[in-house]
Amino acid sequence: MKKFKLIQETATKRKGGKKEINKLLNRPSTHGELLEVSDERYLAQMTRCVFNAGFHWRVISAKWNGFEEAFHQFDIGQLLTKSPDEWEAYVEDTRIIRNWQKIQTVFHNAAMVDDIAAEHGSFGEFFAQWPVADQVGLMKYLHKHGARLGGKTAQWFIRFTGKDSFMLSDDVITALLANGLDIHPNASSLRDLKRIQQTFNDWQDETGLPMTHLSKILSYTVGDNVPVDVLAGYQGSQNVTDS
């Protein structure tokens, strides 16, 4: 694989210089900051990412206050003690997107968060301590134990909580292929994911940069050269862990 310094030079040039690209490289949350996030906020972020899948994110953003109200600010105790009839009533609740399959994930993911908190003290304790160098393992765990938390949804959840992570957007996959990584264009097999993880681990060892920065910089080397101010306006717009 190409040295990341060369990739960084290409991205910096495309975005108009170091000062401009730095506007897009937000700092990942620290271990301590992830610990401070409540279990309810983690569940809220999971829910937002699950509902975003298949919808434009602006649709969910416009209704998000309704989600918070309908799901009691994602109070896990209240959600886990609702009766089946109360859950079924959500399909008539205009405050949210009335998709029954996705509504059910709120209960199932609340149960997962509660189980993890019982074992580790809090979901944040579990989440913060998971090694950045094994993001693929965390994605696999969320997919196995959560509801609709596979693939891109798990990646968005990890990213929007602030945990240092890479994102396998179309541009990132295209750039990995262009820089010589032997993976399938879908990059969904465990083999491909492990190769991607190792590549990002190697680049982090080379540069000392966070995974978040490596992933973003890589994506800026290909595809449409979206203006910095447009990208900056999008960042953080779907993070509800600090609500």
C-alpha atoms as a PDB file:
ATOM      1  CA  MET A   1       0.000   0.000   0.000  1.00  0.00           C
ATOM      2  CA  LYS A   2       1.051   3.581  -0.691  1.00  0.00           C
ATOM      3  CA  LYS A   3       2.575   5.581   2.164  1.00  0.00           C
ATOM      4  CA  PHE A   4      -0.137   7.676   3.763  1.00  0.00           C
ATOM      5  CA  LYS A   5       1.947  10.820   3.469  1.00  0.00           C
ATOM      6  CA  LEU A   6       1.415  10.735  -0.308  1.00  0.00           C
ATOM      7  CA  ILE A   7      -2.322  10.181   0.112  1.00  0.00           C
ATOM      8  CA  GLN A   8      -2.497  13.092   2.540  1.00  0.00           C
ATOM      9  CA  GLU A   9      -0.717  15.373   0.074  1.00  0.00           C
ATOM     10  CA  THR A  10      -3.273  14.543  -2.631  1.00  0.00           C
ATOM     11  CA  ALA A  11      -6.236  15.185  -0.335  1.00  0.00           C
ATOM     12  CA  THR A  12      -4.790  18.434   1.002  1.00  0.00           C
ATOM     13  CA  LYS A  13      -4.254  19.761  -2.490  1.00  0.00           C
ATOM     14  CA  ARG A  14      -7.808  18.874  -3.567  1.00  0.00           C
ATOM     15  CA  LYS A  15      -9.329  20.613  -0.537  1.00  0.00           C
ATOM     16  CA  GLY A  16      -7.367  23.825  -1.011  1.00  0.00           C
ATOM     17  CA  GLY A  17      -4.581  23.449   1.503  1.00  0.00           C
ATOM     18  CA  LYS A  18      -3.806  22.295   5.027  1.00  0.00           C
ATOM     19  CA  LYS A  19      -5.863  25.023   6.713  1.00  0.00           C
ATOM     20  CA  GLU A  20      -8.984  24.065   4.749  1.00  0.00           C
ATOM     21  CA  ILE A  21      -8.711  20.310   5.226  1.00  0.00           C
ATOM     22  CA  ASN A  22      -8.104  20.754   8.954  1.00  0.00           C
ATOM     23  CA  LYS A  23     -11.606  22.257   9.219  1.00  0.00           C
ATOM     24  CA  LEU A  24     -12.960  18.806   8.404  1.00  0.00           C
ATOM     25  CA  LEU A  25     -10.808  16.801  10.811  1.00  0.00           C
ATOM     26  CA  ASN A  26     -12.752  16.933  14.060  1.00  0.00           C
ATOM     27  CA  ARG A  27     -11.185  15.417  17.173  1.00  0.00           C
ATOM     28  CA  PRO A  28     -12.478  11.973  18.200  1.00  0.00           C
ATOM     29  CA  SER A  29     -13.816  11.625  21.732  1.00  0.00           C
ATOM     30  CA  THR A  30     -11.434  10.540  24.452  1.00  0.00           C
ATOM     31  CA  HIS A  31     -11.889   7.417  26.562  1.00  0.00           C
ATOM     32  CA  GLY A  32     -13.131   9.593  29.407  1.00  0.00           C
ATOM     33  CA  GLU A  33     -15.614  11.443  27.208  1.00  0.00           C
ATOM     34  CA  LEU A  34     -17.085   8.164  25.961  1.00  0.00           C
ATOM     35  CA  LEU A  35     -17.479   7.012  29.568  1.00  0.00           C
ATOM     36  CA  GLU A  36     -19.491  10.140  30.384  1.00  0.00           C
ATOM     37  CA  VAL A  37     -22.153   9.404  27.749  1.00  0.00           C
ATOM     38  CA  SER A  38     -25.239   7.843  29.331  1.00  0.00           C
ATOM     39  CA  ASP A  39     -26.678   4.519  28.241  1.00  0.00           C
ATOM     40  CA  GLU A  40     -29.802   6.399  27.103  1.00  0.00           C
ATOM     41  CA  ARG A  41     -27.781   8.571  24.717  1.00  0.00           C
ATOM     42  CA  TYR A  42     -26.035   5.545  23.249  1.00  0.00           C
ATOM     43  CA  LEU A  43     -29.419   3.935  22.632  1.00  0.00           C
ATOM     44  CA  ALA A  44     -30.665   7.178  21.057  1.00  0.00           C
ATOM     45  CA  GLN A  45     -27.692   7.187  18.677  1.00  0.00           C
ATOM     46  CA  MET A  46     -28.285   3.552  17.733  1.00  0.00           C
ATOM     47  CA  THR A  47     -31.925   4.330  17.031  1.00  0.00           C
ATOM     48  CA  ARG A  48     -31.112   7.327  14.891  1.00  0.00           C
ATOM     49  CA  CYS A  49     -28.644   5.336  12.813  1.00  0.00           C
ATOM     50  CA  VAL A  50     -31.107   2.454  12.374  1.00  0.00           C
ATOM     51  CA  PHE A  51     -33.884   4.783  11.211  1.00  0.00           C
ATOM     52  CA  ASN A  52     -31.508   6.728   8.961  1.00  0.00           C
ATOM     53  CA  ALA A  53     -30.904   3.575   6.922  1.00  0.00           C
ATOM     54  CA  GLY A  54     -33.159   3.811   3.887  1.00  0.00           C
ATOM     55  CA  PHE A  55     -34.192   7.413   4.588  1.00  0.00           C
ATOM     56  CA  HIS A  56     -32.475  10.691   3.864  1.00  0.00           C
ATOM     57  CA  TRP A  57     -30.886  11.846   7.127  1.00  0.00           C
ATOM     58  CA  ARG A  58     -32.748  15.174   6.908  1.00  0.00           C
ATOM     59  CA  VAL A  59     -36.081  13.312   7.215  1.00  0.00           C
ATOM     60  CA  ILE A  60     -35.006  11.792  10.529  1.00  0.00           C
ATOM     61  CA  SER A  61     -33.478  15.083  11.693  1.00  0.00           C
ATOM     62  CA  ALA A  62     -36.759  16.896  11.078  1.00  0.00           C
ATOM     63  CA  LYS A  63     -38.651  14.384  13.235  1.00  0.00           C
ATOM     64  CA  TRP A  64     -36.000  13.728  15.850  1.00  0.00           C
ATOM     65  CA  ASN A  65     -37.616  15.768  18.634  1.00  0.00           C
ATOM     66  CA  GLY A  66     -40.683  13.585  18.130  1.00  0.00           C
ATOM     67  CA  PHE A  67     -38.554  10.443  18.480  1.00  0.00           C
ATOM     68  CA  GLU A  68     -37.118  11.748  21.747  1.00  0.00           C
ATOM     69  CA  GLU A  69     -40.593  12.474  23.094  1.00  0.00           C
ATOM     70  CA  ALA A  70     -42.187   9.252  21.897  1.00  0.00           C
ATOM     71  CA  PHE A  71     -39.417   7.057  23.304  1.00  0.00           C
ATOM     72  CA  HIS A  72     -39.166   8.927  26.650  1.00  0.00           C
ATOM     73  CA  GLN A  73     -35.708  10.338  25.881  1.00  0.00           C
ATOM     74  CA  PHE A  74     -34.691   6.697  25.459  1.00  0.00           C
ATOM     75  CA  ASP A  75     -35.067   5.896  29.145  1.00  0.00           C
ATOM     76  CA  ILE A  76     -34.181   2.215  29.120  1.00  0.00           C
ATOM     77  CA  GLY A  77     -36.224   1.332  32.205  1.00  0.00           C
ATOM     78  CA  GLN A  78     -39.393   2.772  30.707  1.00  0.00           C
ATOM     79  CA  LEU A  79     -38.819   1.171  27.328  1.00  0.00           C
ATOM     80  CA  LEU A  80     -38.143  -2.319  28.682  1.00  0.00           C
ATOM     81  CA  THR A  81     -41.280  -2.310  30.832  1.00  0.00           C
ATOM     82  CA  LYS A  82     -43.693  -1.336  28.054  1.00  0.00           C
ATOM     83  CA  SER A  83     -46.384  -3.879  27.210  1.00  0.00           C
ATOM     84  CA  PRO A  84     -46.662  -5.441  23.733  1.00  0.00           C
ATOM     85  CA  ASP A  85     -49.773  -3.312  23.130  1.00  0.00           C
ATOM     86  CA  GLU A  86     -47.838  -0.140  23.941  1.00  0.00           C
ATOM     87  CA  TRP A  87     -45.140  -1.096  21.458  1.00  0.00           C
ATOM     88  CA  GLU A  88     -47.688  -1.893  18.755  1.00  0.00           C
ATOM     89  CA  ALA A  89     -49.272   1.526  19.312  1.00  0.00           C
ATOM     90  CA  TYR A  90     -46.127   3.126  17.897  1.00  0.00           C
ATOM     91  CA  VAL A  91     -47.222   2.157  14.366  1.00  0.00           C
ATOM     92  CA  GLU A  92     -49.902   4.864  14.710  1.00  0.00           C
ATOM     93  CA  ASP A  93     -47.612   7.457  16.336  1.00  0.00           C
ATOM     94  CA  THR A  94     -47.061  10.339  13.910  1.00  0.00           C
ATOM     95  CA  ARG A  95     -44.156  11.684  15.973  1.00  0.00           C
ATOM     96  CA  ILE A  96     -41.890   8.997  14.531  1.00  0.00           C
ATOM     97  CA  ILE A  97     -41.317   7.063  11.303  1.00  0.00           C
ATOM     98  CA  ARG A  98     -43.949   4.319  11.560  1.00  0.00           C
ATOM     99  CA  ASN A  99     -41.872   1.385  10.381  1.00  0.00           C
ATOM    100  CA  TRP A 100     -42.713  -1.600  12.592  1.00  0.00           C
ATOM    101  CA  GLN A 101     -39.501  -3.515  11.919  1.00  0.00           C
ATOM    102  CA  LYS A 102     -37.405  -0.513  12.941  1.00  0.00           C
ATOM    103  CA  ILE A 103     -39.623   0.343  15.903  1.00  0.00           C
ATOM    104  CA  GLN A 104     -38.949  -3.146  17.271  1.00  0.00           C
ATOM    105  CA  THR A 105     -35.206  -2.486  17.197  1.00  0.00           C
ATOM    106  CA  VAL A 106     -35.615   0.144  19.927  1.00  0.00           C
ATOM    107  CA  PHE A 107     -36.724  -2.556  22.360  1.00  0.00           C
ATOM    108  CA  HIS A 108     -34.137  -5.106  21.253  1.00  0.00           C
ATOM    109  CA  ASN A 109     -31.259  -2.611  21.359  1.00  0.00           C
ATOM    110  CA  ALA A 110     -32.421  -1.275  24.720  1.00  0.00           C
ATOM    111  CA  ALA A 111     -32.215  -4.846  26.022  1.00  0.00           C
ATOM    112  CA  MET A 112     -28.694  -5.225  24.577  1.00  0.00           C
ATOM    113  CA  VAL A 113     -27.517  -1.965  26.160  1.00  0.00           C
ATOM    114  CA  ASP A 114     -29.055  -3.016  29.468  1.00  0.00           C
ATOM    115  CA  ASP A 115     -27.365  -6.439  29.375  1.00  0.00           C
ATOM    116  CA  ILE A 116     -23.984  -4.893  28.564  1.00  0.00           C
ATOM    117  CA  ALA A 117     -24.389  -2.309  31.323  1.00  0.00           C
ATOM    118  CA  ALA A 118     -25.195  -5.066  33.812  1.00  0.00           C
ATOM    119  CA  GLU A 119     -21.949  -6.835  32.909  1.00  0.00           C
ATOM    120  CA  HIS A 120     -19.614  -3.853  32.489  1.00  0.00           C
ATOM    121  CA  GLY A 121     -21.133  -1.167  34.699  1.00  0.00           C
ATOM    122  CA  SER A 122     -22.330   0.893  31.738  1.00  0.00           C
ATOM    123  CA  PHE A 123     -22.503   0.624  27.983  1.00  0.00           C
ATOM    124  CA  GLY A 124     -19.964   3.453  27.824  1.00  0.00           C
ATOM    125  CA  GLU A 125     -17.437   1.406  29.818  1.00  0.00           C
ATOM    126  CA  PHE A 126     -17.781  -1.465  27.367  1.00  0.00           C
ATOM    127  CA  PHE A 127     -17.722   0.813  24.322  1.00  0.00           C
ATOM    128  CA  ALA A 128     -14.817   3.029  25.411  1.00  0.00           C
ATOM    129  CA  GLN A 129     -12.491   0.148  26.240  1.00  0.00           C
ATOM    130  CA  TRP A 130     -12.973  -1.689  22.941  1.00  0.00           C
ATOM    131  CA  PRO A 131      -9.662  -1.308  21.040  1.00  0.00           C
ATOM    132  CA  VAL A 132      -9.697   1.045  18.062  1.00  0.00           C
ATOM    133  CA  ALA A 133      -7.359  -1.435  16.354  1.00  0.00           C
ATOM    134  CA  ASP A 134     -10.203  -3.987  16.394  1.00  0.00           C
ATOM    135  CA  GLN A 135     -13.104  -1.934  15.037  1.00  0.00           C
ATOM    136  CA  VAL A 136     -14.078  -4.908  12.895  1.00  0.00           C
ATOM    137  CA  GLY A 137     -14.555  -6.947  16.071  1.00  0.00           C
ATOM    138  CA  LEU A 138     -16.806  -4.250  17.551  1.00  0.00           C
ATOM    139  CA  MET A 139     -18.863  -4.126  14.362  1.00  0.00           C
ATOM    140  CA  LYS A 140     -19.226  -7.904  14.471  1.00  0.00           C
ATOM    141  CA  TYR A 141     -20.354  -7.743  18.109  1.00  0.00           C
ATOM    142  CA  LEU A 142     -22.999  -5.085  17.430  1.00  0.00           C
ATOM    143  CA  HIS A 143     -24.295  -7.014  14.435  1.00  0.00           C
ATOM    144  CA  LYS A 144     -24.564 -10.244  16.443  1.00  0.00           C
ATOM    145  CA  HIS A 145     -26.103  -8.855  19.624  1.00  0.00           C
ATOM    146  CA  GLY A 146     -28.017  -5.818  18.372  1.00  0.00           C
ATOM    147  CA  ALA A 147     -30.914  -5.328  15.969  1.00  0.00           C
ATOM    148  CA  ARG A 148     -30.207  -3.899  12.512  1.00  0.00           C
ATOM    149  CA  LEU A 149     -26.722  -2.831  13.572  1.00  0.00           C
ATOM    150  CA  GLY A 150     -24.813  -4.471  10.767  1.00  0.00           C
ATOM    151  CA  GLY A 151     -22.722  -3.016   7.958  1.00  0.00           C
ATOM    152  CA  LYS A 152     -22.838   0.742   7.467  1.00  0.00           C
ATOM    153  CA  THR A 153     -25.307   1.230  10.332  1.00  0.00           C
ATOM    154  CA  ALA A 154     -22.784  -0.056  12.870  1.00  0.00           C
ATOM    155  CA  GLN A 155     -20.086   2.119  11.319  1.00  0.00           C
ATOM    156  CA  TRP A 156     -22.245   5.246  11.507  1.00  0.00           C
ATOM    157  CA  PHE A 157     -23.136   4.472  15.104  1.00  0.00           C
ATOM    158  CA  ILE A 158     -19.483   4.151  16.080  1.00  0.00           C
ATOM    159  CA  ARG A 159     -18.546   7.328  14.195  1.00  0.00           C
ATOM    160  CA  PHE A 160     -21.415   9.513  15.427  1.00  0.00           C
ATOM    161  CA  THR A 161     -20.818   8.590  19.060  1.00  0.00           C
ATOM    162  CA  GLY A 162     -17.394  10.154  18.631  1.00  0.00           C
ATOM    163  CA  LYS A 163     -15.337   6.971  18.994  1.00  0.00           C
ATOM    164  CA  ASP A 164     -12.264   6.983  16.785  1.00  0.00           C
ATOM    165  CA  SER A 165     -13.110   4.905  13.716  1.00  0.00           C
ATOM    166  CA  PHE A 166     -12.898   4.503   9.970  1.00  0.00           C
ATOM    167  CA  MET A 167     -15.931   4.668   7.671  1.00  0.00           C
ATOM    168  CA  LEU A 168     -16.255   2.420   4.647  1.00  0.00           C
ATOM    169  CA  SER A 169     -18.035   4.895   2.400  1.00  0.00           C
ATOM    170  CA  ASP A 170     -18.009   4.363  -1.348  1.00  0.00           C
ATOM    171  CA  ASP A 171     -15.195   6.906  -1.660  1.00  0.00           C
ATOM    172  CA  VAL A 172     -13.088   5.161   0.994  1.00  0.00           C
ATOM    173  CA  ILE A 173     -13.516   1.784  -0.709  1.00  0.00           C
ATOM    174  CA  THR A 174     -12.691   3.319  -4.098  1.00  0.00           C
ATOM    175  CA  ALA A 175      -9.568   4.927  -2.652  1.00  0.00           C
ATOM    176  CA  LEU A 176      -8.438   1.705  -0.962  1.00  0.00           C
ATOM    177  CA  LEU A 177      -8.778  -0.147  -4.254  1.00  0.00           C
ATOM    178  CA  ALA A 178      -7.003   2.639  -6.135  1.00  0.00           C
ATOM    179  CA  ASN A 179      -4.113   2.467  -3.682  1.00  0.00           C
ATOM    180  CA  GLY A 180      -3.619  -1.254  -4.207  1.00  0.00           C
ATOM    181  CA  LEU A 181      -5.578  -3.052  -1.472  1.00  0.00           C
ATOM    182  CA  ASP A 182      -6.789  -6.449  -2.658  1.00  0.00           C
ATOM    183  CA  ILE A 183     -10.453  -6.376  -1.605  1.00  0.00           C
ATOM    184  CA  HIS A 184     -13.813  -6.887  -3.282  1.00  0.00           C
ATOM    185  CA  PRO A 185     -15.618  -3.650  -4.258  1.00  0.00           C
ATOM    186  CA  ASN A 186     -18.376  -4.549  -1.767  1.00  0.00           C
ATOM    187  CA  ALA A 187     -15.797  -5.015   1.011  1.00  0.00           C
ATOM    188  CA  SER A 188     -18.267  -6.922   3.163  1.00  0.00           C
ATOM    189  CA  SER A 189     -16.531 -10.248   3.799  1.00  0.00           C
ATOM    190  CA  LEU A 190     -14.590 -10.835   7.007  1.00  0.00           C
ATOM    191  CA  ARG A 191     -11.472 -11.332   4.899  1.00  0.00           C
ATOM    192  CA  ASP A 192     -11.847  -7.907   3.303  1.00  0.00           C
ATOM    193  CA  LEU A 193     -12.724  -6.208   6.592  1.00  0.00           C
ATOM    194  CA  LYS A 194      -9.646  -7.657   8.281  1.00  0.00           C
ATOM    195  CA  ARG A 195      -7.448  -6.444   5.419  1.00  0.00           C
ATOM    196  CA  ILE A 196      -8.962  -2.975   5.701  1.00  0.00           C
ATOM    197  CA  GLN A 197      -8.482  -2.952   9.471  1.00  0.00           C
ATOM    198  CA  GLN A 198      -4.830  -3.942   9.097  1.00  0.00           C
ATOM    199  CA  THR A 199      -4.279  -1.233   6.492  1.00  0.00           C
ATOM    200  CA  PHE A 200      -5.692   1.463   8.754  1.00  0.00           C
ATOM    201  CA  ASN A 201      -3.696   0.068  11.685  1.00  0.00           C
ATOM    202  CA  ASP A 202      -0.516   0.277   9.601  1.00  0.00           C
ATOM    203  CA  TRP A 203      -1.294   3.835   8.505  1.00  0.00           C
ATOM    204  CA  GLN A 204      -1.971   4.830  12.103  1.00  0.00           C
ATOM    205  CA  ASP A 205       1.402   3.375  13.130  1.00  0.00           C
ATOM    206  CA  GLU A 206       3.020   5.319  10.277  1.00  0.00           C
ATOM    207  CA  THR A 207       1.383   8.689  10.946  1.00  0.00           C
ATOM    208  CA  GLY A 208       0.058   8.736  14.516  1.00  0.00           C
ATOM    209  CA  LEU A 209      -3.199  10.143  13.134  1.00  0.00           C
ATOM    210  CA  PRO A 210      -6.611   9.063  14.483  1.00  0.00           C
ATOM    211  CA  MET A 211      -8.535   6.530  12.408  1.00  0.00           C
ATOM    212  CA  THR A 212     -11.210   9.186  11.872  1.00  0.00           C
ATOM    213  CA  HIS A 213      -8.684  11.472  10.195  1.00  0.00           C
ATOM    214  CA  LEU A 214      -7.155   8.684   8.116  1.00  0.00           C
ATOM    215  CA  SER A 215     -10.576   7.660   6.839  1.00  0.00           C
ATOM    216  CA  LYS A 216     -11.686  11.186   5.977  1.00  0.00           C
ATOM    217  CA  ILE A 217      -8.410  12.174   4.331  1.00  0.00           C
ATOM    218  CA  LEU A 218      -8.495   9.000   2.230  1.00  0.00           C
ATOM    219  CA  SER A 219     -12.063   9.749   1.090  1.00  0.00           C
ATOM    220  CA  TYR A 220     -11.066  13.249  -0.040  1.00  0.00           C
ATOM    221  CA  THR A 221      -8.686  11.843  -2.667  1.00  0.00           C
ATOM    222  CA  VAL A 222     -11.453  10.505  -4.926  1.00  0.00           C
ATOM    223  CA  GLY A 223     -14.984  11.237  -6.094  1.00  0.00           C
ATOM    224  CA  ASP A 224     -16.718  14.588  -6.294  1.00  0.00           C
ATOM    225  CA  ASN A 225     -14.659  17.326  -4.674  1.00  0.00           C
ATOM    226  CA  VAL A 226     -17.412  18.621  -2.355  1.00  0.00           C
ATOM    227  CA  PRO A 227     -16.648  22.124  -1.000  1.00  0.00           C
ATOM    228  CA  VAL A 228     -15.229  22.268   2.511  1.00  0.00           C
ATOM    229  CA  ASP A 229     -18.040  24.473   3.853  1.00  0.00           C
ATOM    230  CA  VAL A 230     -20.666  21.945   2.676  1.00  0.00           C
ATOM    231  CA  LEU A 231     -18.864  19.032   4.318  1.00  0.00           C
ATOM    232  CA  ALA A 232     -18.264  21.014   7.520  1.00  0.00           C
ATOM    233  CA  GLY A 233     -21.980  21.790   7.770  1.00  0.00           C
ATOM    234  CA  TYR A 234     -22.850  18.106   7.600  1.00  0.00           C
ATOM    235  CA  GLN A 235     -20.422  16.925  10.279  1.00  0.00           C
ATOM    236  CA  GLY A 236     -21.951  16.399  13.684  1.00  0.00           C
ATOM    237  CA  SER A 237     -25.500  16.940  12.440  1.00  0.00           C
ATOM    238  CA  GLN A 238     -26.501  13.412  13.430  1.00  0.00           C
ATOM    239  CA  ASN A 239     -24.755  13.135  16.789  1.00  0.00           C
ATOM    240  CA  VAL A 240     -27.298  12.886  19.598  1.00  0.00           C
ATOM    241  CA  THR A 241     -25.061  11.497  22.322  1.00  0.00           C
ATOM    242  CA  ASP A 242     -24.622  14.942  23.851  1.00  0.00           C
ATOM    243  CA  SER A 243     -28.316  15.919  23.658  1.00  0.00           C
END
